[in-house]
Amino acid sequence: MGVRVHLSDWDAVREQLRRFGEPGDVTADGERIRVEFGSAHVEISRTGRVSTSMPLHDFERDGPVDLVVDHEAGSLTVEGDDVSYTFRRPGG
């Protein structure tokens, strides 16, 4: 079961993404957090921009969303009014 956080709770977003990114390289400042896993990455800004990239696809979204982080499954789901996208951490 995942942990749901809203972008407005920036401290929770940072905490969950740091934990999600432990096997990768996590960088964060006051405005954004980026998690890199080799050739894949997730980047989320405090203003609501979400972008991901993997070798065969990219995803971008601007606007209010919730993040559902499932640490056991190695997945991060972006949920908004008209979108549901799941990024799977390389290696699980």
PDB file of N, CA and C in Angstrom:
ATOM      1  N   MET A   1       0.842  -1.176   0.000  1.00  0.00           N
ATOM      2  CA  MET A   1       0.000   0.000   0.000  1.00  0.00           C
ATOM      3  C   MET A   1       0.887   1.239   0.000  1.00  0.00           C
ATOM      4  N   GLY A   2       0.511   2.226  -0.756  1.00  0.00           N
ATOM      5  CA  GLY A   2       1.316   3.424  -0.888  1.00  0.00           C
ATOM      6  C   GLY A   2       0.957   4.519   0.088  1.00  0.00           C
ATOM      7  N   VAL A   3       1.850   5.486   0.158  1.00  0.00           N
ATOM      8  CA  VAL A   3       1.660   6.681   0.966  1.00  0.00           C
ATOM      9  C   VAL A   3       1.248   7.807   0.028  1.00  0.00           C
ATOM     10  N   ARG A   4       0.106   8.462   0.305  1.00  0.00           N
ATOM     11  CA  ARG A   4      -0.384   9.559  -0.534  1.00  0.00           C
ATOM     12  C   ARG A   4       0.050  10.892   0.062  1.00  0.00           C
ATOM     13  N   VAL A   5       0.668  11.724  -0.785  1.00  0.00           N
ATOM     14  CA  VAL A   5       1.042  13.076  -0.364  1.00  0.00           C
ATOM     15  C   VAL A   5       0.625  14.052  -1.456  1.00  0.00           C
ATOM     16  N   HIS A   6       0.260  15.247  -1.039  1.00  0.00           N
ATOM     17  CA  HIS A   6      -0.115  16.303  -1.981  1.00  0.00           C
ATOM     18  C   HIS A   6       1.064  17.256  -2.106  1.00  0.00           C
ATOM     19  N   LEU A   7       1.240  17.830  -3.279  1.00  0.00           N
ATOM     20  CA  LEU A   7       2.364  18.732  -3.492  1.00  0.00           C
ATOM     21  C   LEU A   7       2.375  19.913  -2.529  1.00  0.00           C
ATOM     22  N   SER A   8       1.225  20.286  -2.000  1.00  0.00           N
ATOM     23  CA  SER A   8       1.179  21.401  -1.056  1.00  0.00           C
ATOM     24  C   SER A   8       1.880  21.067   0.262  1.00  0.00           C
ATOM     25  N   ASP A   9       2.076  19.780   0.540  1.00  0.00           N
ATOM     26  CA  ASP A   9       2.808  19.355   1.742  1.00  0.00           C
ATOM     27  C   ASP A   9       4.236  19.030   1.326  1.00  0.00           C
ATOM     28  N   TRP A  10       4.997  20.077   1.039  1.00  0.00           N
ATOM     29  CA  TRP A  10       6.330  19.935   0.451  1.00  0.00           C
ATOM     30  C   TRP A  10       7.277  19.129   1.341  1.00  0.00           C
ATOM     31  N   ASP A  11       7.185  19.279   2.639  1.00  0.00           N
ATOM     32  CA  ASP A  11       8.053  18.498   3.531  1.00  0.00           C
ATOM     33  C   ASP A  11       7.793  16.997   3.377  1.00  0.00           C
ATOM     34  N   ALA A  12       6.520  16.612   3.272  1.00  0.00           N
ATOM     35  CA  ALA A  12       6.183  15.198   3.083  1.00  0.00           C
ATOM     36  C   ALA A  12       6.636  14.706   1.708  1.00  0.00           C
ATOM     37  N   VAL A  13       6.488  15.546   0.687  1.00  0.00           N
ATOM     38  CA  VAL A  13       6.955  15.177  -0.653  1.00  0.00           C
ATOM     39  C   VAL A  13       8.450  14.896  -0.616  1.00  0.00           C
ATOM     40  N   ARG A  14       9.205  15.801  -0.035  1.00  0.00           N
ATOM     41  CA  ARG A  14      10.665  15.624   0.039  1.00  0.00           C
ATOM     42  C   ARG A  14      11.032  14.369   0.823  1.00  0.00           C
ATOM     43  N   GLU A  15      10.381  14.145   1.937  1.00  0.00           N
ATOM     44  CA  GLU A  15      10.672  12.964   2.754  1.00  0.00           C
ATOM     45  C   GLU A  15      10.404  11.674   1.977  1.00  0.00           C
ATOM     46  N   GLN A  16       9.237  11.604   1.321  1.00  0.00           N
ATOM     47  CA  GLN A  16       8.880  10.389   0.597  1.00  0.00           C
ATOM     48  C   GLN A  16       9.778  10.159  -0.617  1.00  0.00           C
ATOM     49  N   LEU A  17      10.133  11.226  -1.331  1.00  0.00           N
ATOM     50  CA  LEU A  17      10.993  11.060  -2.504  1.00  0.00           C
ATOM     51  C   LEU A  17      12.432  10.739  -2.119  1.00  0.00           C
ATOM     52  N   ARG A  18      12.900  11.273  -1.019  1.00  0.00           N
ATOM     53  CA  ARG A  18      14.244  10.881  -0.541  1.00  0.00           C
ATOM     54  C   ARG A  18      14.268   9.388  -0.235  1.00  0.00           C
ATOM     55  N   ARG A  19      13.239   8.911   0.409  1.00  0.00           N
ATOM     56  CA  ARG A  19      13.161   7.481   0.733  1.00  0.00           C
ATOM     57  C   ARG A  19      13.018   6.641  -0.542  1.00  0.00           C
ATOM     58  N   PHE A  20      12.150   7.080  -1.452  1.00  0.00           N
ATOM     59  CA  PHE A  20      11.957   6.384  -2.725  1.00  0.00           C
ATOM     60  C   PHE A  20      13.269   6.319  -3.514  1.00  0.00           C
ATOM     61  N   GLY A  21      14.058   7.369  -3.423  1.00  0.00           N
ATOM     62  CA  GLY A  21      15.279   7.468  -4.213  1.00  0.00           C
ATOM     63  C   GLY A  21      16.529   6.932  -3.565  1.00  0.00           C
ATOM     64  N   GLU A  22      16.427   6.292  -2.420  1.00  0.00           N
ATOM     65  CA  GLU A  22      17.621   5.805  -1.725  1.00  0.00           C
ATOM     66  C   GLU A  22      18.569   5.004  -2.602  1.00  0.00           C
ATOM     67  N   PRO A  23      18.083   4.120  -3.497  1.00  0.00           N
ATOM     68  CA  PRO A  23      19.050   3.397  -4.316  1.00  0.00           C
ATOM     69  C   PRO A  23      19.636   4.250  -5.454  1.00  0.00           C
ATOM     70  N   GLY A  24      19.146   5.456  -5.625  1.00  0.00           N
ATOM     71  CA  GLY A  24      19.613   6.336  -6.697  1.00  0.00           C
ATOM     72  C   GLY A  24      20.335   7.542  -6.135  1.00  0.00           C
ATOM     73  N   ASP A  25      20.335   8.604  -6.916  1.00  0.00           N
ATOM     74  CA  ASP A  25      20.997   9.853  -6.557  1.00  0.00           C
ATOM     75  C   ASP A  25      19.923  10.923  -6.371  1.00  0.00           C
ATOM     76  N   VAL A  26      19.752  11.403  -5.144  1.00  0.00           N
ATOM     77  CA  VAL A  26      18.710  12.374  -4.820  1.00  0.00           C
ATOM     78  C   VAL A  26      19.333  13.747  -4.621  1.00  0.00           C
ATOM     79  N   THR A  27      18.807  14.746  -5.324  1.00  0.00           N
ATOM     80  CA  THR A  27      19.215  16.134  -5.103  1.00  0.00           C
ATOM     81  C   THR A  27      17.956  16.948  -4.816  1.00  0.00           C
ATOM     82  N   ALA A  28      18.064  17.872  -3.876  1.00  0.00           N
ATOM     83  CA  ALA A  28      16.901  18.674  -3.504  1.00  0.00           C
ATOM     84  C   ALA A  28      17.349  20.063  -3.093  1.00  0.00           C
ATOM     85  N   ASP A  29      16.496  21.029  -3.392  1.00  0.00           N
ATOM     86  CA  ASP A  29      16.668  22.374  -2.857  1.00  0.00           C
ATOM     87  C   ASP A  29      15.288  22.835  -2.400  1.00  0.00           C
ATOM     88  N   GLY A  30      15.113  24.080  -2.145  1.00  0.00           N
ATOM     89  CA  GLY A  30      13.830  24.561  -1.644  1.00  0.00           C
ATOM     90  C   GLY A  30      12.698  24.513  -2.648  1.00  0.00           C
ATOM     91  N   GLU A  31      13.028  24.359  -3.933  1.00  0.00           N
ATOM     92  CA  GLU A  31      12.010  24.441  -4.981  1.00  0.00           C
ATOM     93  C   GLU A  31      11.769  23.150  -5.752  1.00  0.00           C
ATOM     94  N   ARG A  32      12.708  22.205  -5.704  1.00  0.00           N
ATOM     95  CA  ARG A  32      12.522  20.982  -6.479  1.00  0.00           C
ATOM     96  C   ARG A  32      13.305  19.838  -5.869  1.00  0.00           C
ATOM     97  N   ILE A  33      12.918  18.630  -6.271  1.00  0.00           N
ATOM     98  CA  ILE A  33      13.657  17.436  -5.879  1.00  0.00           C
ATOM     99  C   ILE A  33      13.785  16.565  -7.126  1.00  0.00           C
ATOM    100  N   ARG A  34      14.962  16.020  -7.318  1.00  0.00           N
ATOM    101  CA  ARG A  34      15.247  15.178  -8.483  1.00  0.00           C
ATOM    102  C   ARG A  34      15.872  13.883  -7.998  1.00  0.00           C
ATOM    103  N   VAL A  35      15.381  12.775  -8.539  1.00  0.00           N
ATOM    104  CA  VAL A  35      15.897  11.457  -8.208  1.00  0.00           C
ATOM    105  C   VAL A  35      16.361  10.824  -9.516  1.00  0.00           C
ATOM    106  N   GLU A  36      17.621  10.428  -9.562  1.00  0.00           N
ATOM    107  CA  GLU A  36      18.172   9.807 -10.768  1.00  0.00           C
ATOM    108  C   GLU A  36      18.542   8.364 -10.491  1.00  0.00           C
ATOM    109  N   PHE A  37      18.177   7.530 -11.444  1.00  0.00           N
ATOM    110  CA  PHE A  37      18.498   6.101 -11.415  1.00  0.00           C
ATOM    111  C   PHE A  37      19.188   5.776 -12.734  1.00  0.00           C
ATOM    112  N   GLY A  38      20.432   6.112 -12.877  1.00  0.00           N
ATOM    113  CA  GLY A  38      21.119   5.872 -14.154  1.00  0.00           C
ATOM    114  C   GLY A  38      20.491   6.707 -15.250  1.00  0.00           C
ATOM    115  N   SER A  39      19.888   6.031 -16.247  1.00  0.00           N
ATOM    116  CA  SER A  39      19.296   6.741 -17.383  1.00  0.00           C
ATOM    117  C   SER A  39      17.837   7.150 -17.149  1.00  0.00           C
ATOM    118  N   ALA A  40      17.304   6.916 -15.960  1.00  0.00           N
ATOM    119  CA  ALA A  40      15.922   7.295 -15.631  1.00  0.00           C
ATOM    120  C   ALA A  40      15.932   8.347 -14.524  1.00  0.00           C
ATOM    121  N   HIS A  41      14.917   9.207 -14.525  1.00  0.00           N
ATOM    122  CA  HIS A  41      14.810  10.198 -13.450  1.00  0.00           C
ATOM    123  C   HIS A  41      13.355  10.602 -13.200  1.00  0.00           C
ATOM    124  N   VAL A  42      13.155  11.158 -12.011  1.00  0.00           N
ATOM    125  CA  VAL A  42      11.902  11.792 -11.607  1.00  0.00           C
ATOM    126  C   VAL A  42      12.283  13.166 -11.072  1.00  0.00           C
ATOM    127  N   GLU A  43      11.564  14.196 -11.492  1.00  0.00           N
ATOM    128  CA  GLU A  43      11.802  15.538 -10.954  1.00  0.00           C
ATOM    129  C   GLU A  43      10.451  16.171 -10.641  1.00  0.00           C
ATOM    130  N   ILE A  44      10.347  16.716  -9.436  1.00  0.00           N
ATOM    131  CA  ILE A  44       9.103  17.337  -8.994  1.00  0.00           C
ATOM    132  C   ILE A  44       9.430  18.700  -8.412  1.00  0.00           C
ATOM    133  N   SER A  45       8.684  19.707  -8.869  1.00  0.00           N
ATOM    134  CA  SER A  45       8.897  21.054  -8.342  1.00  0.00           C
ATOM    135  C   SER A  45       7.778  21.420  -7.385  1.00  0.00           C
ATOM    136  N   ARG A  46       8.089  22.326  -6.536  1.00  0.00           N
ATOM    137  CA  ARG A  46       7.127  22.811  -5.543  1.00  0.00           C
ATOM    138  C   ARG A  46       5.927  23.486  -6.212  1.00  0.00           C
ATOM    139  N   THR A  47       6.130  24.022  -7.417  1.00  0.00           N
ATOM    140  CA  THR A  47       5.069  24.727  -8.130  1.00  0.00           C
ATOM    141  C   THR A  47       4.132  23.790  -8.875  1.00  0.00           C
ATOM    142  N   GLY A  48       4.423  22.490  -8.886  1.00  0.00           N
ATOM    143  CA  GLY A  48       3.507  21.536  -9.492  1.00  0.00           C
ATOM    144  C   GLY A  48       3.963  20.921 -10.793  1.00  0.00           C
ATOM    145  N   ARG A  49       5.201  21.122 -11.175  1.00  0.00           N
ATOM    146  CA  ARG A  49       5.707  20.475 -12.389  1.00  0.00           C
ATOM    147  C   ARG A  49       6.287  19.117 -12.027  1.00  0.00           C
ATOM    148  N   VAL A  50       5.823  18.091 -12.733  1.00  0.00           N
ATOM    149  CA  VAL A  50       6.325  16.730 -12.553  1.00  0.00           C
ATOM    150  C   VAL A  50       6.865  16.271 -13.895  1.00  0.00           C
ATOM    151  N   SER A  51       8.089  15.766 -13.904  1.00  0.00           N
ATOM    152  CA  SER A  51       8.622  15.190 -15.133  1.00  0.00           C
ATOM    153  C   SER A  51       9.372  13.911 -14.790  1.00  0.00           C
ATOM    154  N   THR A  52       9.239  12.951 -15.687  1.00  0.00           N
ATOM    155  CA  THR A  52       9.972  11.700 -15.550  1.00  0.00           C
ATOM    156  C   THR A  52      10.548  11.360 -16.906  1.00  0.00           C
ATOM    157  N   SER A  53      11.586  10.561 -16.881  1.00  0.00           N
ATOM    158  CA  SER A  53      12.180  10.123 -18.130  1.00  0.00           C
ATOM    159  C   SER A  53      12.779   8.741 -17.934  1.00  0.00           C
ATOM    160  N   MET A  54      12.533   7.899 -18.895  1.00  0.00           N
ATOM    161  CA  MET A  54      13.134   6.571 -18.966  1.00  0.00           C
ATOM    162  C   MET A  54      13.566   6.388 -20.420  1.00  0.00           C
ATOM    163  N   PRO A  55      14.380   5.394 -20.713  1.00  0.00           N
ATOM    164  CA  PRO A  55      14.885   5.254 -22.077  1.00  0.00           C
ATOM    165  C   PRO A  55      13.817   5.243 -23.177  1.00  0.00           C
ATOM    166  N   LEU A  56      12.631   4.716 -22.941  1.00  0.00           N
ATOM    167  CA  LEU A  56      11.637   4.631 -24.008  1.00  0.00           C
ATOM    168  C   LEU A  56      10.463   5.593 -23.887  1.00  0.00           C
ATOM    169  N   HIS A  57      10.403   6.396 -22.830  1.00  0.00           N
ATOM    170  CA  HIS A  57       9.299   7.347 -22.725  1.00  0.00           C
ATOM    171  C   HIS A  57       9.607   8.456 -21.723  1.00  0.00           C
ATOM    172  N   ASP A  58       8.847   9.527 -21.859  1.00  0.00           N
ATOM    173  CA  ASP A  58       8.907  10.671 -20.946  1.00  0.00           C
ATOM    174  C   ASP A  58       7.485  10.987 -20.508  1.00  0.00           C
ATOM    175  N   PHE A  59       7.385  11.709 -19.390  1.00  0.00           N
ATOM    176  CA  PHE A  59       6.091  12.158 -18.893  1.00  0.00           C
ATOM    177  C   PHE A  59       6.286  13.538 -18.292  1.00  0.00           C
ATOM    178  N   GLU A  60       5.363  14.455 -18.575  1.00  0.00           N
ATOM    179  CA  GLU A  60       5.380  15.789 -17.967  1.00  0.00           C
ATOM    180  C   GLU A  60       3.964  16.184 -17.598  1.00  0.00           C
ATOM    181  N   ARG A  61       3.876  16.897 -16.489  1.00  0.00           N
ATOM    182  CA  ARG A  61       2.573  17.367 -15.999  1.00  0.00           C
ATOM    183  C   ARG A  61       2.792  18.645 -15.207  1.00  0.00           C
ATOM    184  N   ASP A  62       1.974  19.640 -15.453  1.00  0.00           N
ATOM    185  CA  ASP A  62       1.965  20.865 -14.659  1.00  0.00           C
ATOM    186  C   ASP A  62       0.602  20.983 -14.013  1.00  0.00           C
ATOM    187  N   GLY A  63       0.585  21.259 -12.724  1.00  0.00           N
ATOM    188  CA  GLY A  63      -0.679  21.456 -12.037  1.00  0.00           C
ATOM    189  C   GLY A  63      -0.767  20.629 -10.780  1.00  0.00           C
ATOM    190  N   PRO A  64      -1.821  20.831 -10.024  1.00  0.00           N
ATOM    191  CA  PRO A  64      -1.969  20.148  -8.749  1.00  0.00           C
ATOM    192  C   PRO A  64      -2.162  18.643  -8.929  1.00  0.00           C
ATOM    193  N   VAL A  65      -1.392  17.892  -8.171  1.00  0.00           N
ATOM    194  CA  VAL A  65      -1.494  16.427  -8.201  1.00  0.00           C
ATOM    195  C   VAL A  65      -1.226  15.886  -6.806  1.00  0.00           C
ATOM    196  N   ASP A  66      -1.626  14.643  -6.628  1.00  0.00           N
ATOM    197  CA  ASP A  66      -1.209  13.871  -5.468  1.00  0.00           C
ATOM    198  C   ASP A  66      -0.154  12.885  -5.944  1.00  0.00           C
ATOM    199  N   LEU A  67       0.734  12.520  -5.055  1.00  0.00           N
ATOM    200  CA  LEU A  67       1.724  11.488  -5.337  1.00  0.00           C
ATOM    201  C   LEU A  67       1.428  10.310  -4.427  1.00  0.00           C
ATOM    202  N   VAL A  68       1.445   9.124  -4.985  1.00  0.00           N
ATOM    203  CA  VAL A  68       1.277   7.909  -4.202  1.00  0.00           C
ATOM    204  C   VAL A  68       2.577   7.136  -4.333  1.00  0.00           C
ATOM    205  N   VAL A  69       3.311   7.034  -3.233  1.00  0.00           N
ATOM    206  CA  VAL A  69       4.612   6.387  -3.236  1.00  0.00           C
ATOM    207  C   VAL A  69       4.481   5.028  -2.553  1.00  0.00           C
ATOM    208  N   ASP A  70       4.788   3.990  -3.311  1.00  0.00           N
ATOM    209  CA  ASP A  70       4.763   2.634  -2.771  1.00  0.00           C
ATOM    210  C   ASP A  70       6.212   2.152  -2.717  1.00  0.00           C
ATOM    211  N   HIS A  71       6.804   2.250  -1.552  1.00  0.00           N
ATOM    212  CA  HIS A  71       8.215   1.922  -1.390  1.00  0.00           C
ATOM    213  C   HIS A  71       8.488   0.441  -1.618  1.00  0.00           C
ATOM    214  N   GLU A  72       7.593  -0.411  -1.174  1.00  0.00           N
ATOM    215  CA  GLU A  72       7.791  -1.857  -1.341  1.00  0.00           C
ATOM    216  C   GLU A  72       7.736  -2.264  -2.806  1.00  0.00           C
ATOM    217  N   ALA A  73       6.803  -1.699  -3.556  1.00  0.00           N
ATOM    218  CA  ALA A  73       6.663  -2.034  -4.973  1.00  0.00           C
ATOM    219  C   ALA A  73       7.623  -1.233  -5.849  1.00  0.00           C
ATOM    220  N   GLY A  74       8.239  -0.184  -5.288  1.00  0.00           N
ATOM    221  CA  GLY A  74       9.152   0.652  -6.077  1.00  0.00           C
ATOM    222  C   GLY A  74       8.432   1.477  -7.115  1.00  0.00           C
ATOM    223  N   SER A  75       7.266   2.014  -6.747  1.00  0.00           N
ATOM    224  CA  SER A  75       6.492   2.795  -7.712  1.00  0.00           C
ATOM    225  C   SER A  75       6.091   4.153  -7.145  1.00  0.00           C
ATOM    226  N   LEU A  76       5.966   5.099  -8.051  1.00  0.00           N
ATOM    227  CA  LEU A  76       5.512   6.455  -7.742  1.00  0.00           C
ATOM    228  C   LEU A  76       4.394   6.769  -8.727  1.00  0.00           C
ATOM    229  N   THR A  77       3.180   6.995  -8.217  1.00  0.00           N
ATOM    230  CA  THR A  77       2.037   7.284  -9.079  1.00  0.00           C
ATOM    231  C   THR A  77       1.654   8.745  -8.926  1.00  0.00           C
ATOM    232  N   VAL A  78       1.482   9.408 -10.060  1.00  0.00           N
ATOM    233  CA  VAL A  78       1.045  10.799 -10.121  1.00  0.00           C
ATOM    234  C   VAL A  78      -0.443  10.764 -10.439  1.00  0.00           C
ATOM    235  N   GLU A  79      -1.264  11.348  -9.561  1.00  0.00           N
ATOM    236  CA  GLU A  79      -2.715  11.354  -9.771  1.00  0.00           C
ATOM    237  C   GLU A  79      -3.251  12.774  -9.745  1.00  0.00           C
ATOM    238  N   GLY A  80      -3.991  13.115 -10.784  1.00  0.00           N
ATOM    239  CA  GLY A  80      -4.645  14.409 -10.879  1.00  0.00           C
ATOM    240  C   GLY A  80      -6.038  14.226 -11.434  1.00  0.00           C
ATOM    241  N   ASP A  81      -6.721  15.338 -11.704  1.00  0.00           N
ATOM    242  CA  ASP A  81      -8.093  15.260 -12.207  1.00  0.00           C
ATOM    243  C   ASP A  81      -8.198  14.437 -13.482  1.00  0.00           C
ATOM    244  N   ASP A  82      -7.230  14.569 -14.376  1.00  0.00           N
ATOM    245  CA  ASP A  82      -7.330  13.907 -15.671  1.00  0.00           C
ATOM    246  C   ASP A  82      -6.128  13.017 -15.987  1.00  0.00           C
ATOM    247  N   VAL A  83      -5.384  12.605 -14.952  1.00  0.00           N
ATOM    248  CA  VAL A  83      -4.199  11.798 -15.210  1.00  0.00           C
ATOM    249  C   VAL A  83      -3.916  10.833 -14.065  1.00  0.00           C
ATOM    250  N   SER A  84      -3.418   9.672 -14.432  1.00  0.00           N
ATOM    251  CA  SER A  84      -2.870   8.726 -13.474  1.00  0.00           C
ATOM    252  C   SER A  84      -1.685   8.066 -14.174  1.00  0.00           C
ATOM    253  N   TYR A  85      -0.491   8.347 -13.698  1.00  0.00           N
ATOM    254  CA  TYR A  85       0.732   7.857 -14.340  1.00  0.00           C
ATOM    255  C   TYR A  85       1.603   7.211 -13.263  1.00  0.00           C
ATOM    256  N   THR A  86       2.164   6.041 -13.560  1.00  0.00           N
ATOM    257  CA  THR A  86       3.016   5.356 -12.599  1.00  0.00           C
ATOM    258  C   THR A  86       4.424   5.209 -13.141  1.00  0.00           C
ATOM    259  N   PHE A  87       5.381   5.683 -12.354  1.00  0.00           N
ATOM    260  CA  PHE A  87       6.811   5.524 -12.633  1.00  0.00           C
ATOM    261  C   PHE A  87       7.297   4.377 -11.765  1.00  0.00           C
ATOM    262  N   ARG A  88       7.932   3.409 -12.371  1.00  0.00           N
ATOM    263  CA  ARG A  88       8.481   2.276 -11.626  1.00  0.00           C
ATOM    264  C   ARG A  88       9.981   2.439 -11.508  1.00  0.00           C
ATOM    265  N   ARG A  89      10.451   2.420 -10.290  1.00  0.00           N
ATOM    266  CA  ARG A  89      11.875   2.575 -10.020  1.00  0.00           C
ATOM    267  C   ARG A  89      12.640   1.431 -10.687  1.00  0.00           C
ATOM    268  N   PRO A  90      13.651   1.736 -11.503  1.00  0.00           N
ATOM    269  CA  PRO A  90      14.456   0.688 -12.109  1.00  0.00           C
ATOM    270  C   PRO A  90      15.053  -0.217 -11.023  1.00  0.00           C
ATOM    271  N   GLY A  91      14.925  -1.481 -11.210  1.00  0.00           N
ATOM    272  CA  GLY A  91      15.428  -2.428 -10.221  1.00  0.00           C
ATOM    273  C   GLY A  91      14.457  -2.722  -9.097  1.00  0.00           C
ATOM    274  N   GLY A  92      13.252  -2.125  -9.167  1.00  0.00           N
ATOM    275  CA  GLY A  92      12.219  -2.412  -8.161  1.00  0.00           C
ATOM    276  C   GLY A  92      12.156  -1.539  -6.999  1.00  0.00           C
TER     277      GLY A  92
END
